[in-house]
N, C-alpha and C. Protein backbone atom coordinates (compact mmCIF):
# COMPACT_ATOMS: atom_id res chain seq x y z
N UNK A 1 155.74 67.93 126.76
CA UNK A 1 156.06 69.35 126.69
C UNK A 1 155.88 69.88 125.27
N UNK A 2 156.24 69.06 124.28
CA UNK A 2 156.08 69.52 122.89
C UNK A 2 154.60 69.72 122.55
N UNK A 3 153.73 68.88 123.06
CA UNK A 3 152.31 69.02 122.80
C UNK A 3 151.80 70.34 123.39
N UNK A 4 152.26 70.68 124.57
CA UNK A 4 151.86 71.94 125.20
C UNK A 4 152.34 73.14 124.38
N UNK A 5 153.57 73.10 123.91
CA UNK A 5 154.09 74.20 123.10
C UNK A 5 153.36 74.30 121.77
N UNK A 6 153.02 73.15 121.18
CA UNK A 6 152.25 73.17 119.93
C UNK A 6 150.87 73.79 120.17
N UNK A 7 150.23 73.40 121.25
CA UNK A 7 148.93 73.95 121.60
C UNK A 7 149.03 75.45 121.82
N UNK A 8 150.05 75.88 122.53
CA UNK A 8 150.25 77.30 122.80
C UNK A 8 150.52 78.08 121.52
N UNK A 9 151.27 77.49 120.59
CA UNK A 9 151.56 78.12 119.31
C UNK A 9 150.28 78.30 118.49
N UNK A 10 149.46 77.26 118.43
CA UNK A 10 148.21 77.35 117.67
C UNK A 10 147.29 78.39 118.30
N UNK A 11 147.19 78.40 119.61
CA UNK A 11 146.35 79.36 120.30
C UNK A 11 146.82 80.79 120.06
N UNK A 12 148.12 81.02 120.11
CA UNK A 12 148.63 82.37 119.90
C UNK A 12 148.42 82.82 118.45
N UNK A 13 148.58 81.92 117.48
CA UNK A 13 148.31 82.29 116.09
C UNK A 13 146.83 82.58 115.87
N UNK A 14 145.96 81.81 116.50
CA UNK A 14 144.53 82.06 116.38
C UNK A 14 144.19 83.44 116.95
N UNK A 15 144.72 83.77 118.11
CA UNK A 15 144.45 85.07 118.71
C UNK A 15 145.02 86.20 117.87
N UNK A 16 146.17 85.98 117.27
CA UNK A 16 146.78 87.00 116.41
C UNK A 16 145.91 87.26 115.18
N UNK A 17 145.34 86.21 114.61
CA UNK A 17 144.50 86.38 113.43
C UNK A 17 143.09 86.88 113.78
N UNK A 18 142.60 86.55 114.95
CA UNK A 18 141.24 86.92 115.33
C UNK A 18 141.17 88.31 115.97
N UNK A 19 142.28 88.86 116.41
CA UNK A 19 142.27 90.14 117.12
C UNK A 19 141.63 91.28 116.31
N UNK A 20 141.96 91.47 115.03
CA UNK A 20 141.31 92.56 114.29
C UNK A 20 139.80 92.39 114.16
N UNK A 21 139.35 91.16 113.97
CA UNK A 21 137.91 90.91 113.86
C UNK A 21 137.22 91.18 115.19
N UNK A 22 137.83 90.79 116.27
CA UNK A 22 137.24 91.03 117.59
C UNK A 22 137.21 92.51 117.92
N UNK A 23 138.25 93.24 117.53
CA UNK A 23 138.26 94.68 117.76
C UNK A 23 137.18 95.37 116.93
N UNK A 24 137.00 94.93 115.68
CA UNK A 24 135.96 95.50 114.84
C UNK A 24 134.57 95.20 115.38
N UNK A 25 134.39 94.01 115.91
CA UNK A 25 133.10 93.64 116.50
C UNK A 25 132.79 94.51 117.71
N UNK A 26 133.78 94.76 118.55
CA UNK A 26 133.59 95.62 119.72
C UNK A 26 133.25 97.05 119.28
N UNK A 27 133.88 97.52 118.21
CA UNK A 27 133.61 98.86 117.68
C UNK A 27 132.16 98.95 117.18
N UNK A 28 131.72 97.93 116.45
CA UNK A 28 130.35 97.92 115.94
C UNK A 28 129.34 97.90 117.08
N UNK A 29 129.61 97.14 118.13
CA UNK A 29 128.69 97.09 119.27
C UNK A 29 128.59 98.45 119.95
N UNK A 30 129.73 99.17 120.04
CA UNK A 30 129.70 100.50 120.64
C UNK A 30 128.87 101.46 119.80
N UNK A 31 129.01 101.40 118.48
CA UNK A 31 128.23 102.26 117.60
C UNK A 31 126.74 101.93 117.72
N UNK A 32 126.40 100.64 117.76
CA UNK A 32 125.00 100.25 117.92
C UNK A 32 124.42 100.77 119.23
N UNK A 33 125.21 100.71 120.30
CA UNK A 33 124.76 101.21 121.59
C UNK A 33 124.52 102.71 121.53
N UNK A 34 125.39 103.45 120.86
CA UNK A 34 125.23 104.89 120.73
C UNK A 34 123.99 105.23 119.89
N UNK A 35 123.75 104.46 118.83
CA UNK A 35 122.57 104.70 118.01
C UNK A 35 121.28 104.42 118.78
N UNK A 36 121.28 103.35 119.58
CA UNK A 36 120.09 103.06 120.39
C UNK A 36 119.85 104.16 121.42
N UNK A 37 120.91 104.68 122.02
CA UNK A 37 120.77 105.76 123.00
C UNK A 37 120.24 107.03 122.33
N UNK A 38 120.73 107.33 121.14
CA UNK A 38 120.26 108.51 120.42
C UNK A 38 118.80 108.35 120.01
N UNK A 39 118.42 107.14 119.61
CA UNK A 39 117.02 106.90 119.24
C UNK A 39 116.11 107.02 120.46
N UNK A 40 116.56 106.53 121.61
CA UNK A 40 115.76 106.64 122.83
C UNK A 40 115.61 108.11 123.24
N UNK A 41 116.67 108.88 123.11
CA UNK A 41 116.60 110.31 123.44
C UNK A 41 115.68 111.02 122.45
N UNK A 42 115.72 110.60 121.21
CA UNK A 42 114.87 111.17 120.17
C UNK A 42 113.40 110.91 120.49
N UNK A 43 113.09 109.69 120.90
CA UNK A 43 111.71 109.35 121.26
C UNK A 43 111.26 110.11 122.50
N UNK A 44 112.14 110.27 123.47
CA UNK A 44 111.79 110.98 124.70
C UNK A 44 111.55 112.46 124.42
N UNK A 45 112.26 113.03 123.46
CA UNK A 45 112.10 114.45 123.15
C UNK A 45 110.90 114.69 122.22
N UNK A 46 110.33 113.63 121.68
CA UNK A 46 109.16 113.79 120.82
C UNK A 46 109.50 114.05 119.37
N UNK A 47 110.71 113.87 118.99
CA UNK A 47 111.10 114.08 117.60
C UNK A 47 112.60 114.12 117.50
N UNK A 48 113.12 114.41 116.32
CA UNK A 48 114.57 114.47 116.17
C UNK A 48 115.17 115.61 116.99
N UNK A 49 116.36 115.39 117.49
CA UNK A 49 117.04 116.42 118.26
C UNK A 49 117.63 117.44 117.29
N UNK A 50 117.14 118.66 117.37
CA UNK A 50 117.57 119.73 116.47
C UNK A 50 118.18 120.85 117.31
N UNK A 51 118.96 121.72 116.69
CA UNK A 51 119.47 122.87 117.42
C UNK A 51 118.31 123.73 117.92
N UNK A 52 118.56 124.57 118.91
CA UNK A 52 117.50 125.34 119.58
C UNK A 52 116.66 126.16 118.62
N UNK A 53 117.26 126.86 117.72
CA UNK A 53 116.50 127.73 116.81
C UNK A 53 115.62 126.95 115.86
N UNK A 54 116.00 125.73 115.53
CA UNK A 54 115.25 124.94 114.56
C UNK A 54 114.17 124.09 115.23
N UNK A 55 114.20 123.97 116.53
CA UNK A 55 113.26 123.08 117.20
C UNK A 55 111.82 123.56 117.07
N UNK A 56 111.61 124.86 117.08
CA UNK A 56 110.24 125.38 116.99
C UNK A 56 109.74 125.47 115.56
N UNK A 57 110.66 125.62 114.61
CA UNK A 57 110.26 125.79 113.21
C UNK A 57 110.41 124.50 112.42
N UNK A 58 110.34 123.38 113.07
CA UNK A 58 110.54 122.08 112.41
C UNK A 58 109.31 121.74 111.58
N UNK A 59 109.54 121.24 110.37
CA UNK A 59 108.47 120.80 109.50
C UNK A 59 108.74 119.37 109.10
N UNK A 60 107.71 118.56 109.06
CA UNK A 60 107.86 117.16 108.69
C UNK A 60 107.60 117.01 107.19
N UNK A 61 108.67 117.03 106.40
CA UNK A 61 108.51 116.88 104.96
C UNK A 61 108.43 115.41 104.56
N UNK A 62 108.96 114.52 105.37
CA UNK A 62 109.02 113.13 104.99
C UNK A 62 107.78 112.34 105.34
N UNK A 63 106.83 112.89 106.02
CA UNK A 63 105.64 112.13 106.43
C UNK A 63 104.52 112.27 105.42
N UNK A 64 103.79 111.22 105.24
CA UNK A 64 102.65 111.24 104.31
C UNK A 64 101.47 111.95 104.98
N UNK A 65 100.66 112.59 104.18
CA UNK A 65 99.52 113.35 104.69
C UNK A 65 98.38 112.46 105.10
């Protein structure tokens, strides 16, 4: 019984210490998923998503001639 309680104690301490890192990892994965979705929408629209008034007057200043 003592071995089981020792095992349970070590497991609970590990989970307590790993929880913030696991939560941060899940947060980063969500941000990556949102960035990939925005990039896919950007490619489907043919360029960056801009407000309606700016979509027609867009100029590419960052591209080489």
